Amino acid sequence: MNEPLWADLACEGPERVGGAAHQALGHLAGWGRGRHGPYSDLTAGPTRGSENRATVEWTVRGKGRVTVRAGSSRVGRVETTVDLG
């Protein structure tokens, strides 16, 4: 229930030559969608949003697509795909 954030890299064509495919990002401070987001009027008081950031790096070689997924069981998941021409 309190799984930390993680980030994954999946390659379709390019070769990953640096950085682990699955990386733990840990827990980030904050909650909700910022001070004026949809949950800012809860009785717990306004949120300051996320005050922390996490950075991961991968090195890939070649052409094709890479997909980055980040998330956790508690906050959901986001993903983006980039074409490396």
N, C-alpha and C. Protein backbone atom coordinates (compact mmCIF):
# COMPACT_ATOMS: atom_id res chain seq x y z
N MET A 1 0.81 -1.19 0.00
CA MET A 1 0.00 0.00 0.00
C MET A 1 0.85 1.26 0.00
N ASN A 2 2.03 1.20 0.54
CA ASN A 2 2.88 2.38 0.63
C ASN A 2 4.15 2.17 -0.19
N GLU A 3 3.98 1.60 -1.37
CA GLU A 3 5.11 1.34 -2.26
C GLU A 3 5.74 2.66 -2.71
N PRO A 4 7.07 2.75 -2.72
CA PRO A 4 7.70 3.97 -3.22
C PRO A 4 7.57 4.08 -4.74
N LEU A 5 7.76 5.29 -5.25
CA LEU A 5 7.73 5.49 -6.69
C LEU A 5 8.87 4.74 -7.37
N TRP A 6 8.65 4.39 -8.62
CA TRP A 6 9.65 3.69 -9.42
C TRP A 6 9.58 4.23 -10.84
N ALA A 7 10.62 3.97 -11.61
CA ALA A 7 10.65 4.34 -13.03
C ALA A 7 11.24 3.16 -13.81
N ASP A 8 10.63 2.85 -14.95
CA ASP A 8 11.08 1.77 -15.82
C ASP A 8 11.36 2.31 -17.21
N LEU A 9 12.33 1.70 -17.88
CA LEU A 9 12.62 2.02 -19.27
C LEU A 9 12.48 0.75 -20.09
N ALA A 10 11.69 0.80 -21.15
CA ALA A 10 11.53 -0.33 -22.08
C ALA A 10 11.99 0.14 -23.46
N CYS A 11 12.85 -0.65 -24.09
CA CYS A 11 13.41 -0.29 -25.40
C CYS A 11 12.86 -1.22 -26.48
N GLU A 12 12.45 -0.63 -27.58
CA GLU A 12 12.04 -1.39 -28.77
C GLU A 12 12.98 -0.99 -29.90
N GLY A 13 14.12 -1.65 -29.99
CA GLY A 13 15.13 -1.34 -31.00
C GLY A 13 16.43 -0.88 -30.37
N PRO A 14 16.43 0.26 -29.66
CA PRO A 14 17.68 0.73 -29.08
C PRO A 14 18.16 -0.21 -27.97
N GLU A 15 19.44 -0.16 -27.72
CA GLU A 15 20.04 -0.96 -26.64
C GLU A 15 20.28 -0.05 -25.45
N ARG A 16 19.83 -0.47 -24.27
CA ARG A 16 20.12 0.28 -23.04
C ARG A 16 21.55 -0.05 -22.63
N VAL A 17 22.41 0.97 -22.56
CA VAL A 17 23.81 0.74 -22.22
C VAL A 17 24.20 1.38 -20.89
N GLY A 18 23.32 2.14 -20.28
CA GLY A 18 23.61 2.75 -18.98
C GLY A 18 22.35 2.93 -18.17
N GLY A 19 22.44 2.66 -16.89
CA GLY A 19 21.31 2.80 -15.99
C GLY A 19 20.48 1.52 -15.95
N ALA A 20 20.03 1.16 -14.75
CA ALA A 20 19.20 -0.03 -14.59
C ALA A 20 17.83 0.21 -15.22
N ALA A 21 17.25 -0.82 -15.81
CA ALA A 21 15.93 -0.69 -16.46
C ALA A 21 14.85 -0.31 -15.46
N HIS A 22 14.94 -0.79 -14.22
CA HIS A 22 13.97 -0.48 -13.16
C HIS A 22 14.72 0.26 -12.06
N GLN A 23 14.26 1.47 -11.73
CA GLN A 23 14.93 2.27 -10.71
C GLN A 23 13.93 2.76 -9.68
N ALA A 24 14.27 2.61 -8.42
CA ALA A 24 13.42 3.10 -7.33
C ALA A 24 13.67 4.59 -7.14
N LEU A 25 12.57 5.37 -7.03
CA LEU A 25 12.67 6.81 -6.83
C LEU A 25 12.44 7.20 -5.38
N GLY A 26 11.93 6.29 -4.58
CA GLY A 26 11.63 6.59 -3.19
C GLY A 26 10.31 7.32 -3.04
N HIS A 27 10.07 7.85 -1.87
CA HIS A 27 8.85 8.59 -1.58
C HIS A 27 9.09 10.08 -1.79
N LEU A 28 8.11 10.77 -2.34
CA LEU A 28 8.21 12.21 -2.55
C LEU A 28 7.25 12.92 -1.62
N ALA A 29 7.66 14.07 -1.13
CA ALA A 29 6.80 14.84 -0.22
C ALA A 29 5.63 15.43 -0.99
N GLY A 30 4.59 15.81 -0.28
CA GLY A 30 3.45 16.46 -0.90
C GLY A 30 2.35 15.46 -1.20
N TRP A 31 1.20 15.98 -1.62
CA TRP A 31 0.08 15.15 -2.00
C TRP A 31 -0.87 15.99 -2.83
N GLY A 32 -1.83 15.38 -3.45
CA GLY A 32 -2.80 16.12 -4.23
C GLY A 32 -2.20 16.69 -5.51
N ARG A 33 -2.82 17.72 -6.04
CA ARG A 33 -2.36 18.36 -7.28
C ARG A 33 -2.02 19.82 -7.03
N GLY A 34 -1.44 20.11 -5.89
CA GLY A 34 -1.02 21.48 -5.62
C GLY A 34 -2.05 22.28 -4.84
N ARG A 35 -1.68 23.47 -4.48
CA ARG A 35 -2.49 24.31 -3.60
C ARG A 35 -3.87 24.62 -4.16
N HIS A 36 -4.02 24.76 -5.47
CA HIS A 36 -5.30 25.12 -6.04
C HIS A 36 -5.90 23.97 -6.86
N GLY A 37 -5.47 22.74 -6.59
CA GLY A 37 -5.97 21.58 -7.30
C GLY A 37 -7.31 21.12 -6.77
N PRO A 38 -7.82 20.02 -7.31
CA PRO A 38 -9.16 19.55 -6.96
C PRO A 38 -9.33 19.12 -5.50
N TYR A 39 -8.25 18.85 -4.79
CA TYR A 39 -8.37 18.38 -3.41
C TYR A 39 -7.86 19.41 -2.41
N SER A 40 -7.71 20.66 -2.82
CA SER A 40 -7.12 21.67 -1.94
C SER A 40 -8.07 22.12 -0.83
N ASP A 41 -9.37 21.80 -0.92
CA ASP A 41 -10.30 22.26 0.10
C ASP A 41 -10.63 21.19 1.14
N LEU A 42 -9.85 20.14 1.21
CA LEU A 42 -10.09 19.11 2.23
C LEU A 42 -9.84 19.68 3.62
N THR A 43 -10.46 19.11 4.61
CA THR A 43 -10.32 19.62 5.97
C THR A 43 -8.91 19.48 6.52
N ALA A 44 -8.07 18.69 5.88
CA ALA A 44 -6.69 18.54 6.33
C ALA A 44 -5.87 19.79 6.01
N GLY A 45 -6.42 20.73 5.27
CA GLY A 45 -5.71 21.96 4.94
C GLY A 45 -5.12 21.90 3.55
N PRO A 46 -4.67 23.03 3.06
CA PRO A 46 -4.13 23.08 1.71
C PRO A 46 -2.80 22.33 1.61
N THR A 47 -2.52 21.85 0.45
CA THR A 47 -1.26 21.17 0.21
C THR A 47 -0.27 22.12 -0.43
N ARG A 48 0.99 21.89 -0.18
CA ARG A 48 2.03 22.67 -0.84
C ARG A 48 2.47 21.98 -2.13
N GLY A 49 1.83 20.86 -2.47
CA GLY A 49 2.26 20.12 -3.65
C GLY A 49 3.54 19.38 -3.35
N SER A 50 4.18 18.87 -4.35
CA SER A 50 5.40 18.12 -4.15
C SER A 50 6.57 19.07 -3.98
N GLU A 51 7.34 18.86 -2.95
CA GLU A 51 8.53 19.67 -2.70
C GLU A 51 9.79 18.92 -3.11
N ASN A 52 9.67 17.66 -3.41
CA ASN A 52 10.83 16.84 -3.76
C ASN A 52 10.80 16.48 -5.23
N ARG A 53 11.93 16.16 -5.74
CA ARG A 53 12.05 15.67 -7.11
C ARG A 53 12.99 14.48 -7.09
N ALA A 54 12.84 13.64 -8.07
CA ALA A 54 13.75 12.51 -8.24
C ALA A 54 14.19 12.50 -9.69
N THR A 55 15.42 12.13 -9.92
CA THR A 55 15.97 12.09 -11.27
C THR A 55 16.53 10.71 -11.55
N VAL A 56 16.25 10.20 -12.72
CA VAL A 56 16.87 8.96 -13.19
C VAL A 56 17.50 9.24 -14.54
N GLU A 57 18.51 8.48 -14.87
CA GLU A 57 19.17 8.63 -16.16
C GLU A 57 19.38 7.27 -16.80
N TRP A 58 19.17 7.23 -18.10
CA TRP A 58 19.47 6.05 -18.89
C TRP A 58 20.27 6.50 -20.11
N THR A 59 21.12 5.63 -20.58
CA THR A 59 21.83 5.85 -21.83
C THR A 59 21.42 4.74 -22.78
N VAL A 60 20.96 5.12 -23.96
CA VAL A 60 20.56 4.14 -24.96
C VAL A 60 21.32 4.41 -26.25
N ARG A 61 21.51 3.34 -27.04
CA ARG A 61 22.21 3.45 -28.31
C ARG A 61 21.38 2.79 -29.39
N GLY A 62 21.19 3.49 -30.50
CA GLY A 62 20.47 2.92 -31.63
C GLY A 62 19.19 3.67 -31.92
N LYS A 63 18.47 3.16 -32.90
CA LYS A 63 17.21 3.77 -33.33
C LYS A 63 16.04 2.89 -32.91
N GLY A 64 14.89 3.50 -32.77
CA GLY A 64 13.68 2.78 -32.38
C GLY A 64 12.87 3.60 -31.40
N ARG A 65 12.22 2.92 -30.47
CA ARG A 65 11.37 3.59 -29.48
C ARG A 65 11.81 3.22 -28.08
N VAL A 66 11.67 4.19 -27.19
CA VAL A 66 11.84 3.93 -25.76
C VAL A 66 10.59 4.40 -25.04
N THR A 67 10.17 3.64 -24.07
CA THR A 67 9.01 4.00 -23.26
C THR A 67 9.45 4.10 -21.81
N VAL A 68 9.12 5.22 -21.19
CA VAL A 68 9.41 5.44 -19.77
C VAL A 68 8.10 5.38 -19.02
N ARG A 69 8.07 4.55 -17.98
CA ARG A 69 6.89 4.44 -17.10
C ARG A 69 7.34 4.80 -15.69
N ALA A 70 6.51 5.58 -15.00
CA ALA A 70 6.81 5.93 -13.61
C ALA A 70 5.52 5.85 -12.81
N GLY A 71 5.64 5.46 -11.55
CA GLY A 71 4.45 5.41 -10.70
C GLY A 71 4.64 4.52 -9.49
N SER A 72 3.52 4.18 -8.90
CA SER A 72 3.47 3.24 -7.77
C SER A 72 2.04 2.77 -7.62
N SER A 73 1.85 1.77 -6.78
CA SER A 73 0.50 1.23 -6.60
C SER A 73 -0.44 2.24 -5.97
N ARG A 74 0.08 3.19 -5.24
CA ARG A 74 -0.77 4.15 -4.54
C ARG A 74 -1.16 5.36 -5.40
N VAL A 75 -0.26 5.80 -6.27
CA VAL A 75 -0.54 7.03 -7.03
C VAL A 75 -0.86 6.79 -8.50
N GLY A 76 -0.74 5.56 -8.95
CA GLY A 76 -1.01 5.28 -10.36
C GLY A 76 0.26 5.31 -11.18
N ARG A 77 0.10 5.41 -12.49
CA ARG A 77 1.25 5.31 -13.38
C ARG A 77 1.08 6.29 -14.54
N VAL A 78 2.20 6.83 -14.99
CA VAL A 78 2.23 7.63 -16.21
C VAL A 78 3.29 7.03 -17.11
N GLU A 79 3.11 7.23 -18.41
CA GLU A 79 4.12 6.74 -19.33
C GLU A 79 4.20 7.64 -20.55
N THR A 80 5.37 7.65 -21.14
CA THR A 80 5.57 8.39 -22.39
C THR A 80 6.51 7.60 -23.27
N THR A 81 6.28 7.69 -24.58
CA THR A 81 7.10 6.99 -25.55
C THR A 81 7.79 8.01 -26.44
N VAL A 82 9.06 7.77 -26.71
CA VAL A 82 9.85 8.66 -27.55
C VAL A 82 10.44 7.86 -28.70
N ASP A 83 10.28 8.37 -29.93
CA ASP A 83 10.89 7.75 -31.10
C ASP A 83 12.29 8.31 -31.29
N LEU A 84 13.26 7.43 -31.35
CA LEU A 84 14.64 7.82 -31.57
C LEU A 84 14.98 7.54 -33.03
N GLY A 85 15.00 8.57 -33.83
CA GLY A 85 15.11 8.43 -35.26
C GLY A 85 16.47 8.19 -35.73
